[in-house]
Amino acid sequence: MAPALLIVVLAAAAPLFALGSETWWGLAPCELCLWQRWPYWVAAGLAALGAFVPGRARTVLLGLAGIAVLVSAAIGGFHVGVEQHWWPSPLPGC
């Protein structure tokens, strides 16, 4: 249960920090920034659910949470490429 709760806290911390940086430092997110947050929320939800189910179901849910974090990392890598002008953004606001 403790690893699942740690994953919940860490997965939720990333988008919450981004939201805080918008509020406290006035940083405006682009569309890719917003897309990057969704997999973290999915990971936090899956891990939270995994904290309350036993056995193999917990393992599967935590594995899916890990995949969600990897999806966010992939979006982040794509986002870096857009910001470095390595390729164009598919979204008009970026």
Protein backbone atom coordinates (compact mmCIF):
# COMPACT_ATOMS: atom_id res chain seq x y z
CA MET A 1 0.00 0.00 0.00
CA ALA A 2 2.83 2.43 0.81
CA PRO A 3 4.40 2.30 -2.70
CA ALA A 4 1.00 2.97 -4.25
CA LEU A 5 0.45 6.01 -2.06
CA LEU A 6 3.93 7.29 -2.87
CA ILE A 7 3.11 7.01 -6.57
CA VAL A 8 -0.15 8.91 -5.97
CA VAL A 9 1.71 11.74 -4.26
CA LEU A 10 4.47 11.95 -6.88
CA ALA A 11 2.13 11.66 -9.87
CA ALA A 12 -0.14 14.38 -8.51
CA ALA A 13 2.81 16.60 -7.54
CA ALA A 14 3.91 17.18 -11.14
CA PRO A 15 0.69 18.75 -12.47
CA LEU A 16 0.07 20.52 -9.16
CA PHE A 17 3.51 22.12 -9.36
CA ALA A 18 2.77 23.18 -12.94
CA LEU A 19 -0.51 24.70 -11.80
CA GLY A 20 1.32 26.47 -8.97
CA SER A 21 3.90 27.87 -11.38
CA GLU A 22 1.07 29.34 -13.42
CA THR A 23 -0.48 30.90 -10.35
CA TRP A 24 2.61 32.10 -8.47
CA TRP A 25 4.97 32.98 -11.32
CA GLY A 26 2.48 33.85 -14.03
CA LEU A 27 3.66 31.22 -16.53
CA ALA A 28 1.08 30.60 -19.22
CA PRO A 29 0.86 26.98 -20.43
CA CYS A 30 0.58 26.02 -24.06
CA GLU A 31 -1.67 23.19 -25.26
CA LEU A 32 1.14 20.62 -25.04
CA CYS A 33 1.77 21.65 -21.43
CA LEU A 34 -1.86 20.91 -20.67
CA TRP A 35 -1.76 17.59 -22.55
CA GLN A 36 1.27 16.53 -20.52
CA ARG A 37 -0.69 16.78 -17.29
CA TRP A 38 -3.48 14.36 -18.15
CA PRO A 39 -1.41 11.16 -17.98
CA TYR A 40 -0.14 12.20 -14.54
CA TRP A 41 -3.72 12.51 -13.28
CA VAL A 42 -4.50 9.10 -14.78
CA ALA A 43 -1.42 7.65 -13.04
CA ALA A 44 -2.44 9.18 -9.72
CA GLY A 45 -5.97 7.79 -10.06
CA LEU A 46 -4.76 4.31 -10.98
CA ALA A 47 -2.26 4.28 -8.12
CA ALA A 48 -4.90 5.51 -5.68
CA LEU A 49 -7.16 2.69 -6.77
CA GLY A 50 -4.21 0.30 -6.48
CA ALA A 51 -3.68 1.34 -2.88
CA PHE A 52 -7.00 -0.24 -1.94
CA VAL A 53 -7.03 -3.46 -3.95
CA PRO A 54 -5.00 -6.53 -3.01
CA GLY A 55 -2.60 -8.80 -4.84
CA ARG A 56 -2.24 -9.00 -8.58
CA ALA A 57 -4.81 -6.27 -9.22
CA ARG A 58 -2.57 -3.82 -7.35
CA THR A 59 0.41 -4.84 -9.45
CA VAL A 60 -1.55 -4.37 -12.66
CA LEU A 61 -2.87 -0.95 -11.60
CA LEU A 62 0.59 0.26 -10.58
CA GLY A 63 1.99 -1.02 -13.87
CA LEU A 64 -0.68 0.91 -15.76
CA ALA A 65 0.16 3.99 -13.68
CA GLY A 66 3.79 3.57 -14.76
CA ILE A 67 2.72 3.39 -18.39
CA ALA A 68 0.70 6.59 -17.93
CA VAL A 69 3.79 8.36 -16.59
CA LEU A 70 5.76 7.12 -19.61
CA VAL A 71 3.07 8.55 -21.90
CA SER A 72 3.53 11.92 -20.19
CA ALA A 73 7.29 11.59 -20.68
CA ALA A 74 6.75 10.90 -24.39
CA ILE A 75 4.54 13.98 -24.70
CA GLY A 76 7.22 15.93 -22.82
CA GLY A 77 9.91 14.74 -25.21
CA PHE A 78 7.77 15.76 -28.15
CA HIS A 79 7.15 19.10 -26.43
CA VAL A 80 10.89 19.71 -26.09
CA GLY A 81 11.28 19.06 -29.81
CA VAL A 82 8.58 21.62 -30.57
CA GLU A 83 10.18 24.22 -28.31
CA GLN A 84 13.61 23.61 -29.84
CA HIS A 85 12.09 23.93 -33.34
CA TRP A 86 13.15 20.40 -34.29
CA TRP A 87 9.63 19.79 -35.64
CA PRO A 88 6.39 21.74 -35.84
CA SER A 89 3.64 21.50 -33.29
CA PRO A 90 0.39 19.85 -34.36
CA LEU A 91 -1.42 22.29 -32.06
CA PRO A 92 -1.93 25.93 -33.04
CA GLY A 93 -1.19 27.36 -29.57
CA CYS A 94 2.33 26.00 -29.24
